[in-house]
């Protein structure tokens, strides 16, 4: 069972790295196309708000 857990965690880490890479590419593309940081800042704010609210909900429940 322990080996399966290690493979599962490695898969989650790979997925997280791919998602981070995609977000970085998207923010870079937004900065280059608009020649500014407003859209990339707005795009970056969306995941931050989702993470903040999920932590807030866990804190209230816990």
Protein backbone atom coordinates (compact mmCIF):
# COMPACT_ATOMS: atom_id res chain seq x y z
CA UNK A 1 0.00 0.00 0.00
CA UNK A 2 2.87 2.35 0.73
CA UNK A 3 4.25 2.10 -2.81
CA UNK A 4 0.88 3.03 -4.27
CA UNK A 5 0.71 6.06 -1.98
CA UNK A 6 4.11 7.25 -3.20
CA UNK A 7 3.02 6.91 -6.83
CA UNK A 8 -0.22 8.76 -6.07
CA UNK A 9 1.67 11.63 -4.43
CA UNK A 10 4.11 11.82 -7.33
CA UNK A 11 1.17 12.07 -9.72
CA UNK A 12 -0.33 14.91 -7.71
CA UNK A 13 2.98 16.74 -7.70
CA UNK A 14 3.33 16.33 -11.46
CA UNK A 15 -0.19 17.65 -11.99
CA UNK A 16 0.53 20.63 -9.73
CA UNK A 17 3.72 21.39 -11.66
CA UNK A 18 1.86 21.23 -14.98
CA UNK A 19 -0.90 23.51 -13.69
CA UNK A 20 1.68 26.00 -12.39
CA UNK A 21 3.49 25.94 -15.72
CA UNK A 22 0.26 26.56 -17.61
CA UNK A 23 -0.63 29.50 -15.35
CA UNK A 24 2.86 30.96 -15.82
CA UNK A 25 2.52 30.62 -19.60
CA UNK A 26 -0.92 32.25 -19.51
CA UNK A 27 0.29 35.18 -17.39
CA UNK A 28 3.34 35.65 -19.61
CA UNK A 29 1.14 35.63 -22.72
CA UNK A 30 -1.20 38.20 -21.16
CA UNK A 31 1.71 40.48 -20.27
CA UNK A 32 3.25 40.28 -23.74
CA UNK A 33 0.02 40.78 -25.65
CA UNK A 34 -1.28 43.68 -23.56
CA UNK A 35 2.15 45.17 -22.76
CA UNK A 36 1.12 45.55 -19.15
CA UNK A 37 0.47 43.66 -15.97
CA UNK A 38 -3.18 44.48 -15.26
CA UNK A 39 -4.64 41.39 -16.95
CA UNK A 40 -1.95 39.09 -15.58
CA UNK A 41 -2.59 40.49 -12.11
CA UNK A 42 -6.32 39.90 -12.48
CA UNK A 43 -5.74 36.35 -13.73
CA UNK A 44 -3.35 35.72 -10.82
CA UNK A 45 -5.93 37.01 -8.34
CA UNK A 46 -8.55 34.38 -9.26
CA UNK A 47 -6.62 31.30 -7.97
CA UNK A 48 -5.44 33.27 -4.93
CA UNK A 49 -9.02 34.09 -3.96
CA UNK A 50 -10.06 30.45 -4.42
CA UNK A 51 -7.18 29.27 -2.21
CA UNK A 52 -7.92 31.91 0.43
CA UNK A 53 -11.60 31.00 0.66
CA UNK A 54 -10.87 27.27 0.81
CA UNK A 55 -8.46 27.89 3.71
CA UNK A 56 -11.03 30.13 5.39
CA UNK A 57 -13.72 27.45 5.09
CA UNK A 58 -11.39 24.80 6.49
CA UNK A 59 -10.51 27.07 9.41
CA UNK A 60 -14.17 27.76 10.23
CA UNK A 61 -15.10 24.06 10.02
CA UNK A 62 -12.06 22.80 11.86
